Amino acid sequence: MKNIAVVIPARLNSTRLKHKMLIKFDDEPLIRLVFDKVRMMGFDTFVATDSKRIAKLIPNKWCIMTGKANNGTHRLSKRAVIDLVGNYDYVMNIQGDMIDVNHETIKPIKKRLLSPFSPLCLTAYTKGAKPNDVKVIHQNNKALWFTRSDIGYGDRHLGIYAYSPYLLKAYRGMQDKYTKENLEQNRILGLYDIEVIETKYEGYEINTQGDVNRRQIQSLTQGW
């Protein structure tokens, strides 16, 4: 049986929504809410952060302090993370803003990783995309490109990746040649394949104050 660890990268100074990992939903900070949801799925679950304020919310055993990082994947490639999870067969990166992540979201990803011939790198999508979504263009289960642009096609890319420790180590030496897109996964393309798999995620990703407001209202109206 292959072993899978989950590492949730979390920085305090997020670009679009300041200190979003600390925003409370039902009296729980966002990062702790996502951490607990993932841990209850049965994975060894860690949070990688450079923030002491975030670290205080996570049990010491499951918190990895890192230096500054350019993006979530770069944070996972840090030596402090690899030293702790490098013996796992896969390291799954789940974004700390995926407040509604659940077993049904992870189920097809886990199934693929546990299959005999699993990829070095895997990511997930849902069918269709809104103009502001990050989009993945793919063919034959392989990613061709990722973009934030409103191109009128592509599927909604979710912030879930699964990496072999080997690929995470290799990521340290990769350069972002497409800085206009500013998407961490594009620097992998051209060097390694990224396999894509369809999954279900009907919830929110907390990126703006509007997302916060809508999700908090939903919690009140549905009694969550």
Protein backbone atom coordinates (compact mmCIF):
# COMPACT_ATOMS: atom_id res chain seq x y z
CA MET A 1 0.00 0.00 0.00
CA LYS A 2 1.35 3.42 -0.96
CA ASN A 3 1.60 6.06 1.74
CA ILE A 4 0.18 9.52 1.11
CA ALA A 5 0.85 12.58 3.23
CA VAL A 6 -1.09 15.82 2.87
CA VAL A 7 0.71 19.12 3.29
CA ILE A 8 -1.34 22.33 3.36
CA PRO A 9 0.83 25.34 2.47
CA ALA A 10 -0.31 28.43 4.36
CA ARG A 11 1.10 31.93 4.31
CA LEU A 12 -0.18 34.84 6.34
CA ASN A 13 0.22 37.63 3.79
CA SER A 14 -1.99 36.33 0.98
CA THR A 15 -2.14 38.61 -2.04
CA ARG A 16 -5.84 39.13 -2.64
CA LEU A 17 -7.24 38.74 0.88
CA LYS A 18 -5.06 39.76 3.81
CA HIS A 19 -4.61 37.18 6.57
CA LYS A 20 -7.28 34.94 5.05
CA MET A 21 -5.98 31.82 6.83
CA LEU A 22 -7.03 33.45 10.13
CA ILE A 23 -10.56 34.43 9.05
CA LYS A 24 -13.11 32.59 11.15
CA PHE A 25 -16.01 30.51 9.89
CA ASP A 26 -18.26 29.13 12.62
CA ASP A 27 -15.69 30.38 15.14
CA GLU A 28 -12.87 28.35 13.59
CA PRO A 29 -9.94 29.92 11.68
CA LEU A 30 -9.97 28.87 8.02
CA ILE A 31 -6.63 27.02 8.19
CA ARG A 32 -7.69 24.97 11.22
CA LEU A 33 -11.04 24.17 9.61
CA VAL A 34 -9.40 22.81 6.46
CA PHE A 35 -6.69 21.01 8.45
CA ASP A 36 -9.28 19.19 10.57
CA LYS A 37 -11.40 18.24 7.54
CA VAL A 38 -8.44 16.70 5.74
CA ARG A 39 -7.08 14.95 8.82
CA MET A 40 -10.46 13.29 9.39
CA MET A 41 -10.10 11.65 5.96
CA GLY A 42 -7.35 9.48 7.43
CA PHE A 43 -4.24 11.18 6.00
CA ASP A 44 -1.16 12.23 7.91
CA THR A 45 -1.81 15.96 7.53
CA PHE A 46 0.71 18.76 7.97
CA VAL A 47 0.58 22.54 7.62
CA ALA A 48 3.68 24.22 6.16
CA THR A 49 3.96 27.90 7.02
CA ASP A 50 6.33 30.76 7.75
CA SER A 51 3.86 32.39 10.14
CA LYS A 52 3.96 31.92 13.90
CA ARG A 53 0.34 33.10 14.09
CA ILE A 54 -0.74 30.25 11.83
CA ALA A 55 1.56 27.78 13.60
CA LYS A 56 -0.16 28.46 16.93
CA LEU A 57 -3.40 27.09 15.48
CA ILE A 58 -1.93 23.70 14.52
CA PRO A 59 -0.61 20.96 16.87
CA ASN A 60 3.21 21.07 16.93
CA LYS A 61 3.51 17.54 15.57
CA TRP A 62 1.68 18.51 12.39
CA CYS A 63 3.16 21.97 11.76
CA ILE A 64 6.29 22.54 9.64
CA MET A 65 7.96 25.94 9.81
CA THR A 66 9.53 27.05 6.54
CA GLY A 67 11.19 30.17 5.25
CA LYS A 68 9.60 32.40 2.66
CA ALA A 69 8.37 30.77 -0.53
CA ASN A 70 7.30 31.93 -3.99
CA ASN A 71 4.20 29.72 -4.03
CA GLY A 72 2.65 26.69 -2.37
CA THR A 73 4.62 24.11 -4.34
CA HIS A 74 7.86 25.93 -3.63
CA ARG A 75 6.97 25.82 0.07
CA LEU A 76 6.41 22.06 -0.16
CA SER A 77 9.81 21.66 -1.81
CA LYS A 78 11.59 23.22 1.16
CA ARG A 79 14.06 21.00 2.96
CA ALA A 80 12.11 21.23 6.23
CA VAL A 81 9.11 19.66 4.49
CA ILE A 82 11.03 17.06 2.48
CA ASP A 83 12.94 15.93 5.56
CA LEU A 84 9.63 15.13 7.23
CA VAL A 85 7.52 13.72 4.37
CA GLY A 86 10.17 12.57 1.88
CA ASN A 87 9.61 8.92 2.80
CA TYR A 88 5.98 8.99 1.72
CA ASP A 89 5.15 7.76 -1.78
CA TYR A 90 3.15 10.91 -2.49
CA VAL A 91 2.77 14.35 -1.01
CA MET A 92 -0.66 15.82 -1.67
CA ASN A 93 -0.92 19.61 -1.70
CA ILE A 94 -4.38 20.83 -0.70
CA GLN A 95 -4.91 24.57 -0.61
CA GLY A 96 -5.81 26.03 2.76
CA ASP A 97 -8.63 28.08 1.26
CA MET A 98 -10.62 25.03 0.05
CA ILE A 99 -13.10 25.32 2.89
CA ASP A 100 -15.54 22.76 1.47
CA VAL A 101 -13.07 20.01 0.60
CA ASN A 102 -14.46 16.58 1.48
CA HIS A 103 -14.06 12.87 0.89
CA GLU A 104 -15.82 12.97 -2.48
CA THR A 105 -13.32 15.56 -3.70
CA ILE A 106 -10.31 13.49 -2.72
CA LYS A 107 -11.69 10.02 -3.54
CA PRO A 108 -10.78 9.85 -7.29
CA ILE A 109 -7.37 11.40 -6.63
CA LYS A 110 -6.55 8.86 -3.93
CA LYS A 111 -7.78 6.00 -6.13
CA ARG A 112 -5.50 7.10 -8.97
CA LEU A 113 -2.48 7.45 -6.70
CA LEU A 114 -2.99 3.96 -5.32
CA SER A 115 -3.18 2.39 -8.78
CA PRO A 116 -0.17 0.33 -10.05
CA PHE A 117 1.14 2.86 -12.58
CA SER A 118 0.63 6.24 -10.95
CA PRO A 119 2.10 9.53 -12.21
CA LEU A 120 4.88 11.72 -10.87
CA CYS A 121 2.46 14.63 -10.73
CA LEU A 122 -1.34 14.76 -10.63
CA THR A 123 -3.85 17.58 -10.34
CA ALA A 124 -7.62 17.91 -10.38
CA TYR A 125 -10.37 19.78 -12.20
CA THR A 126 -14.12 20.12 -12.39
CA LYS A 127 -16.04 20.48 -15.62
CA GLY A 128 -16.54 24.01 -16.91
CA ALA A 129 -15.05 27.26 -15.64
CA LYS A 130 -16.15 30.77 -14.75
CA PRO A 131 -14.22 33.73 -16.19
CA ASN A 132 -12.29 34.36 -12.96
CA ASP A 133 -11.38 30.72 -12.33
CA VAL A 134 -7.92 29.32 -12.98
CA LYS A 135 -8.42 27.11 -16.02
CA VAL A 136 -6.67 23.98 -17.16
CA ILE A 137 -6.54 23.05 -20.84
CA HIS A 138 -6.02 19.32 -21.15
CA GLN A 139 -6.16 16.42 -23.56
CA ASN A 140 -5.89 12.66 -23.03
CA ASN A 141 -5.67 13.18 -19.26
CA LYS A 142 -2.61 15.44 -19.60
CA ALA A 143 -2.44 19.13 -18.78
CA LEU A 144 -1.40 21.34 -21.69
CA TRP A 145 -1.62 24.75 -20.02
CA PHE A 146 -2.97 26.65 -17.02
CA THR A 147 -4.27 30.21 -17.23
CA ARG A 148 -6.21 32.86 -15.33
CA SER A 149 -7.24 34.58 -18.57
CA ASP A 150 -10.86 34.55 -19.72
CA ILE A 151 -10.24 32.45 -22.82
CA GLY A 152 -13.77 31.05 -23.14
CA TYR A 153 -12.80 27.41 -22.71
CA GLY A 154 -10.99 25.06 -20.36
CA ASP A 155 -12.08 23.47 -17.10
CA ARG A 156 -11.90 24.80 -13.56
CA HIS A 157 -8.56 23.90 -12.04
CA LEU A 158 -8.65 23.04 -8.36
CA GLY A 159 -5.82 23.78 -5.95
CA ILE A 160 -5.05 20.13 -5.32
CA TYR A 161 -1.83 18.47 -6.48
CA ALA A 162 -0.10 15.20 -5.73
CA TYR A 163 3.66 15.00 -6.15
CA SER A 164 6.27 12.34 -5.75
CA PRO A 165 9.02 13.54 -3.40
CA TYR A 166 11.39 13.31 -6.38
CA LEU A 167 9.41 15.90 -8.33
CA LEU A 168 9.22 18.24 -5.34
CA LYS A 169 13.00 18.16 -5.03
CA ALA A 170 13.31 18.84 -8.77
CA TYR A 171 10.92 21.79 -8.45
CA ARG A 172 13.55 23.76 -6.53
CA GLY A 173 15.57 24.16 -9.73
CA MET A 174 12.67 25.02 -12.05
CA GLN A 175 12.29 28.57 -13.33
CA ASP A 176 9.07 30.45 -14.04
CA LYS A 177 9.39 31.47 -17.69
CA TYR A 178 5.75 32.57 -17.87
CA THR A 179 5.62 35.27 -15.26
CA LYS A 180 2.57 36.94 -16.79
CA GLU A 181 0.48 33.90 -15.87
CA ASN A 182 2.21 33.61 -12.46
CA LEU A 183 0.95 30.06 -11.95
CA GLU A 184 3.20 27.62 -10.12
CA GLN A 185 2.23 24.58 -12.18
CA ASN A 186 3.24 26.00 -15.58
CA ARG A 187 6.94 25.81 -14.71
CA ILE A 188 6.58 22.01 -14.47
CA LEU A 189 5.14 21.65 -17.98
CA GLY A 190 7.79 21.02 -20.60
CA LEU A 191 9.91 19.11 -18.10
CA TYR A 192 7.36 16.66 -16.73
CA ASP A 193 3.82 15.59 -17.53
CA ILE A 194 1.05 16.69 -15.22
CA GLU A 195 -1.79 14.20 -15.25
CA VAL A 196 -5.30 15.59 -14.66
CA ILE A 197 -8.30 13.89 -13.16
CA GLU A 198 -11.91 15.02 -12.85
CA THR A 199 -13.39 15.30 -9.38
CA LYS A 200 -16.29 16.95 -7.53
CA TYR A 201 -16.02 20.23 -5.71
CA GLU A 202 -19.11 22.38 -5.48
CA GLY A 203 -17.96 24.59 -2.67
CA TYR A 204 -16.01 27.80 -2.23
CA GLU A 205 -12.36 28.68 -2.51
CA ILE A 206 -11.82 31.68 -0.25
CA ASN A 207 -9.95 34.24 -2.37
CA THR A 208 -11.87 37.51 -1.89
CA GLN A 209 -13.98 39.26 0.73
CA GLY A 210 -16.99 38.41 -1.41
CA ASP A 211 -16.16 34.70 -1.02
CA VAL A 212 -15.98 35.17 2.75
CA ASN A 213 -19.34 36.94 2.89
CA ARG A 214 -21.13 34.40 0.71
CA ARG A 215 -19.71 31.41 2.59
CA GLN A 216 -20.56 32.89 5.99
CA ILE A 217 -24.12 33.61 4.84
CA GLN A 218 -24.40 30.05 3.54
CA SER A 219 -23.31 28.70 6.92
CA LEU A 220 -25.99 30.76 8.68
CA THR A 221 -28.80 29.82 6.31
CA GLN A 222 -27.96 26.11 6.21
CA GLY A 223 -27.06 25.77 9.86
CA TRP A 224 -23.43 24.71 9.28
